[in-house]
PDB file of N, CA and C in Angstrom:
ATOM      1  N   UNK A   1      97.955  44.123 -35.081  1.00  0.00           N
ATOM      2  CA  UNK A   1      96.780  44.953 -34.943  1.00  0.00           C
ATOM      3  C   UNK A   1      95.630  44.105 -34.399  1.00  0.00           C
ATOM      4  N   UNK A   2      94.991  44.605 -33.383  1.00  0.00           N
ATOM      5  CA  UNK A   2      93.814  43.933 -32.830  1.00  0.00           C
ATOM      6  C   UNK A   2      92.659  44.921 -32.822  1.00  0.00           C
ATOM      7  N   UNK A   3      91.491  44.432 -33.206  1.00  0.00           N
ATOM      8  CA  UNK A   3      90.300  45.283 -33.216  1.00  0.00           C
ATOM      9  C   UNK A   3      89.080  44.426 -32.947  1.00  0.00           C
ATOM     10  N   UNK A   4      88.074  45.067 -32.386  1.00  0.00           N
ATOM     11  CA  UNK A   4      86.796  44.395 -32.165  1.00  0.00           C
ATOM     12  C   UNK A   4      85.926  44.454 -33.413  1.00  0.00           C
ATOM     13  N   UNK A   5      86.122  45.511 -34.220  1.00  0.00           N
ATOM     14  CA  UNK A   5      85.279  45.759 -35.395  1.00  0.00           C
ATOM     15  C   UNK A   5      86.163  46.206 -36.548  1.00  0.00           C
ATOM     16  N   UNK A   6      85.853  45.727 -37.755  1.00  0.00           N
ATOM     17  CA  UNK A   6      86.489  46.228 -38.974  1.00  0.00           C
ATOM     18  C   UNK A   6      85.425  46.994 -39.745  1.00  0.00           C
ATOM     19  N   UNK A   7      85.726  48.241 -40.090  1.00  0.00           N
ATOM     20  CA  UNK A   7      84.794  49.095 -40.822  1.00  0.00           C
ATOM     21  C   UNK A   7      85.304  49.225 -42.244  1.00  0.00           C
ATOM     22  N   UNK A   8      84.467  48.866 -43.203  1.00  0.00           N
ATOM     23  CA  UNK A   8      84.826  48.967 -44.609  1.00  0.00           C
ATOM     24  C   UNK A   8      84.299  50.296 -45.133  1.00  0.00           C
ATOM     25  N   UNK A   9      85.208  51.194 -45.467  1.00  0.00           N
ATOM     26  CA  UNK A   9      84.837  52.504 -45.990  1.00  0.00           C
ATOM     27  C   UNK A   9      85.204  53.614 -45.031  1.00  0.00           C
ATOM     28  N   UNK A  10      86.062  54.516 -45.491  1.00  0.00           N
ATOM     29  CA  UNK A  10      86.524  55.617 -44.655  1.00  0.00           C
ATOM     30  C   UNK A  10      85.866  56.941 -44.967  1.00  0.00           C
ATOM     31  N   UNK A  11      84.636  56.875 -45.455  1.00  0.00           N
ATOM     32  CA  UNK A  11      83.895  58.108 -45.716  1.00  0.00           C
ATOM     33  C   UNK A  11      83.311  58.662 -44.429  1.00  0.00           C
ATOM     34  N   UNK A  12      82.419  59.638 -44.543  1.00  0.00           N
ATOM     35  CA  UNK A  12      81.835  60.265 -43.354  1.00  0.00           C
ATOM     36  C   UNK A  12      81.144  59.273 -42.419  1.00  0.00           C
ATOM     37  N   UNK A  13      80.448  58.315 -42.977  1.00  0.00           N
ATOM     38  CA  UNK A  13      79.729  57.342 -42.142  1.00  0.00           C
ATOM     39  C   UNK A  13      80.704  56.397 -41.450  1.00  0.00           C
ATOM     40  N   UNK A  14      81.676  55.876 -42.200  1.00  0.00           N
ATOM     41  CA  UNK A  14      82.650  54.956 -41.618  1.00  0.00           C
ATOM     42  C   UNK A  14      83.495  55.600 -40.538  1.00  0.00           C
ATOM     43  N   UNK A  15      83.971  56.808 -40.796  1.00  0.00           N
ATOM     44  CA  UNK A  15      84.792  57.513 -39.806  1.00  0.00           C
ATOM     45  C   UNK A  15      83.947  57.911 -38.602  1.00  0.00           C
ATOM     46  N   UNK A  16      82.719  58.351 -38.847  1.00  0.00           N
ATOM     47  CA  UNK A  16      81.821  58.685 -37.739  1.00  0.00           C
ATOM     48  C   UNK A  16      81.554  57.482 -36.851  1.00  0.00           C
ATOM     49  N   UNK A  17      81.364  56.334 -37.477  1.00  0.00           N
ATOM     50  CA  UNK A  17      81.152  55.103 -36.716  1.00  0.00           C
ATOM     51  C   UNK A  17      82.389  54.764 -35.898  1.00  0.00           C
ATOM     52  N   UNK A  18      83.566  54.904 -36.492  1.00  0.00           N
ATOM     53  CA  UNK A  18      84.810  54.618 -35.775  1.00  0.00           C
ATOM     54  C   UNK A  18      84.962  55.520 -34.554  1.00  0.00           C
ATOM     55  N   UNK A  19      84.629  56.792 -34.701  1.00  0.00           N
ATOM     56  CA  UNK A  19      84.711  57.732 -33.576  1.00  0.00           C
ATOM     57  C   UNK A  19      83.726  57.339 -32.482  1.00  0.00           C
ATOM     58  N   UNK A  20      82.495  57.030 -32.863  1.00  0.00           N
ATOM     59  CA  UNK A  20      81.477  56.645 -31.889  1.00  0.00           C
ATOM     60  C   UNK A  20      81.885  55.371 -31.148  1.00  0.00           C
ATOM     61  N   UNK A  21      82.409  54.409 -31.884  1.00  0.00           N
ATOM     62  CA  UNK A  21      82.871  53.174 -31.247  1.00  0.00           C
ATOM     63  C   UNK A  21      84.005  53.463 -30.267  1.00  0.00           C
ATOM     64  N   UNK A  22      84.954  54.313 -30.672  1.00  0.00           N
ATOM     65  CA  UNK A  22      86.087  54.645 -29.801  1.00  0.00           C
ATOM     66  C   UNK A  22      85.625  55.322 -28.516  1.00  0.00           C
ATOM     67  N   UNK A  23      84.662  56.205 -28.622  1.00  0.00           N
ATOM     68  CA  UNK A  23      84.111  56.877 -27.440  1.00  0.00           C
ATOM     69  C   UNK A  23      83.543  55.861 -26.460  1.00  0.00           C
ATOM     70  N   UNK A  24      83.006  54.768 -27.014  1.00  0.00           N
ATOM     71  CA  UNK A  24      82.402  53.723 -26.187  1.00  0.00           C
ATOM     72  C   UNK A  24      83.362  52.576 -25.881  1.00  0.00           C
ATOM     73  N   UNK A  25      84.656  52.778 -26.150  1.00  0.00           N
ATOM     74  CA  UNK A  25      85.665  51.791 -25.769  1.00  0.00           C
ATOM     75  C   UNK A  25      85.813  50.609 -26.704  1.00  0.00           C
ATOM     76  N   UNK A  26      85.285  50.716 -27.909  1.00  0.00           N
ATOM     77  CA  UNK A  26      85.378  49.627 -28.887  1.00  0.00           C
ATOM     78  C   UNK A  26      86.495  49.960 -29.868  1.00  0.00           C
ATOM     79  N   UNK A  27      87.447  49.039 -30.012  1.00  0.00           N
ATOM     80  CA  UNK A  27      88.564  49.239 -30.939  1.00  0.00           C
ATOM     81  C   UNK A  27      88.125  48.877 -32.348  1.00  0.00           C
ATOM     82  N   UNK A  28      88.478  49.716 -33.314  1.00  0.00           N
ATOM     83  CA  UNK A  28      88.092  49.437 -34.697  1.00  0.00           C
ATOM     84  C   UNK A  28      89.234  49.750 -35.648  1.00  0.00           C
ATOM     85  N   UNK A  29      89.147  49.150 -36.823  1.00  0.00           N
ATOM     86  CA  UNK A  29      90.064  49.423 -37.928  1.00  0.00           C
ATOM     87  C   UNK A  29      89.207  49.867 -39.102  1.00  0.00           C
ATOM     88  N   UNK A  30      89.580  50.968 -39.737  1.00  0.00           N
ATOM     89  CA  UNK A  30      88.865  51.464 -40.917  1.00  0.00           C
ATOM     90  C   UNK A  30      89.678  51.096 -42.151  1.00  0.00           C
ATOM     91  N   UNK A  31      89.039  50.422 -43.106  1.00  0.00           N
ATOM     92  CA  UNK A  31      89.685  50.027 -44.359  1.00  0.00           C
ATOM     93  C   UNK A  31      89.086  50.861 -45.484  1.00  0.00           C
ATOM     94  N   UNK A  32      89.952  51.576 -46.201  1.00  0.00           N
ATOM     95  CA  UNK A  32      89.509  52.435 -47.302  1.00  0.00           C
ATOM     96  C   UNK A  32      90.350  52.137 -48.533  1.00  0.00           C
ATOM     97  N   UNK A  33      89.723  51.979 -49.680  1.00  0.00           N
ATOM     98  CA  UNK A  33      90.468  51.641 -50.896  1.00  0.00           C
ATOM     99  C   UNK A  33      91.048  52.854 -51.608  1.00  0.00           C
ATOM    100  N   UNK A  34      90.478  54.018 -51.402  1.00  0.00           N
ATOM    101  CA  UNK A  34      90.958  55.223 -52.073  1.00  0.00           C
ATOM    102  C   UNK A  34      92.052  55.897 -51.244  1.00  0.00           C
ATOM    103  N   UNK A  35      93.036  56.473 -51.927  1.00  0.00           N
ATOM    104  CA  UNK A  35      94.129  57.160 -51.240  1.00  0.00           C
ATOM    105  C   UNK A  35      93.806  58.618 -50.934  1.00  0.00           C
ATOM    106  N   UNK A  36      92.830  59.183 -51.630  1.00  0.00           N
ATOM    107  CA  UNK A  36      92.464  60.583 -51.423  1.00  0.00           C
ATOM    108  C   UNK A  36      90.981  60.683 -51.079  1.00  0.00           C
ATOM    109  N   UNK A  37      90.598  61.832 -50.566  1.00  0.00           N
ATOM    110  CA  UNK A  37      89.198  62.087 -50.228  1.00  0.00           C
ATOM    111  C   UNK A  37      88.384  62.168 -51.515  1.00  0.00           C
ATOM    112  N   UNK A  38      87.220  61.531 -51.514  1.00  0.00           N
ATOM    113  CA  UNK A  38      86.343  61.557 -52.680  1.00  0.00           C
ATOM    114  C   UNK A  38      85.490  62.824 -52.664  1.00  0.00           C
ATOM    115  N   UNK A  39      85.218  63.367 -53.827  1.00  0.00           N
ATOM    116  CA  UNK A  39      84.457  64.619 -53.921  1.00  0.00           C
ATOM    117  C   UNK A  39      83.003  64.446 -53.502  1.00  0.00           C
ATOM    118  N   UNK A  40      82.425  63.285 -53.806  1.00  0.00           N
ATOM    119  CA  UNK A  40      81.022  63.032 -53.471  1.00  0.00           C
ATOM    120  C   UNK A  40      80.957  61.845 -52.513  1.00  0.00           C
ATOM    121  N   UNK A  41      80.555  62.070 -51.252  1.00  0.00           N
ATOM    122  CA  UNK A  41      80.419  60.959 -50.313  1.00  0.00           C
ATOM    123  C   UNK A  41      79.342  59.986 -50.785  1.00  0.00           C
ATOM    124  N   UNK A  42      79.573  58.709 -50.543  1.00  0.00           N
ATOM    125  CA  UNK A  42      78.619  57.685 -50.988  1.00  0.00           C
ATOM    126  C   UNK A  42      77.551  57.380 -49.941  1.00  0.00           C
ATOM    127  N   UNK A  43      77.726  57.855 -48.715  1.00  0.00           N
ATOM    128  CA  UNK A  43      76.789  57.553 -47.643  1.00  0.00           C
ATOM    129  C   UNK A  43      75.693  58.588 -47.470  1.00  0.00           C
ATOM    130  N   UNK A  44      75.541  59.498 -48.413  1.00  0.00           N
ATOM    131  CA  UNK A  44      74.576  60.586 -48.254  1.00  0.00           C
ATOM    132  C   UNK A  44      73.124  60.110 -48.202  1.00  0.00           C
ATOM    133  N   UNK A  45      72.842  58.897 -48.660  1.00  0.00           N
ATOM    134  CA  UNK A  45      71.466  58.402 -48.667  1.00  0.00           C
ATOM    135  C   UNK A  45      71.134  57.561 -47.443  1.00  0.00           C
ATOM    136  N   UNK A  46      72.092  57.378 -46.545  1.00  0.00           N
ATOM    137  CA  UNK A  46      71.827  56.611 -45.332  1.00  0.00           C
ATOM    138  C   UNK A  46      71.107  57.487 -44.319  1.00  0.00           C
ATOM    139  N   UNK A  47      70.200  56.885 -43.579  1.00  0.00           N
ATOM    140  CA  UNK A  47      69.496  57.641 -42.539  1.00  0.00           C
ATOM    141  C   UNK A  47      69.721  57.014 -41.191  1.00  0.00           C
TER     142      UNK A  47
END
């Protein structure tokens, strides 16, 4: 596996960042510790 960026966290912010990077030609790997979707996203306070 080769990537330009490693993203820690597969929540809405992490996945959104991965999509944006991919659109711009940047390869990324998303690392998530949970096996299932969490009920409350942790990135809701980011602006």
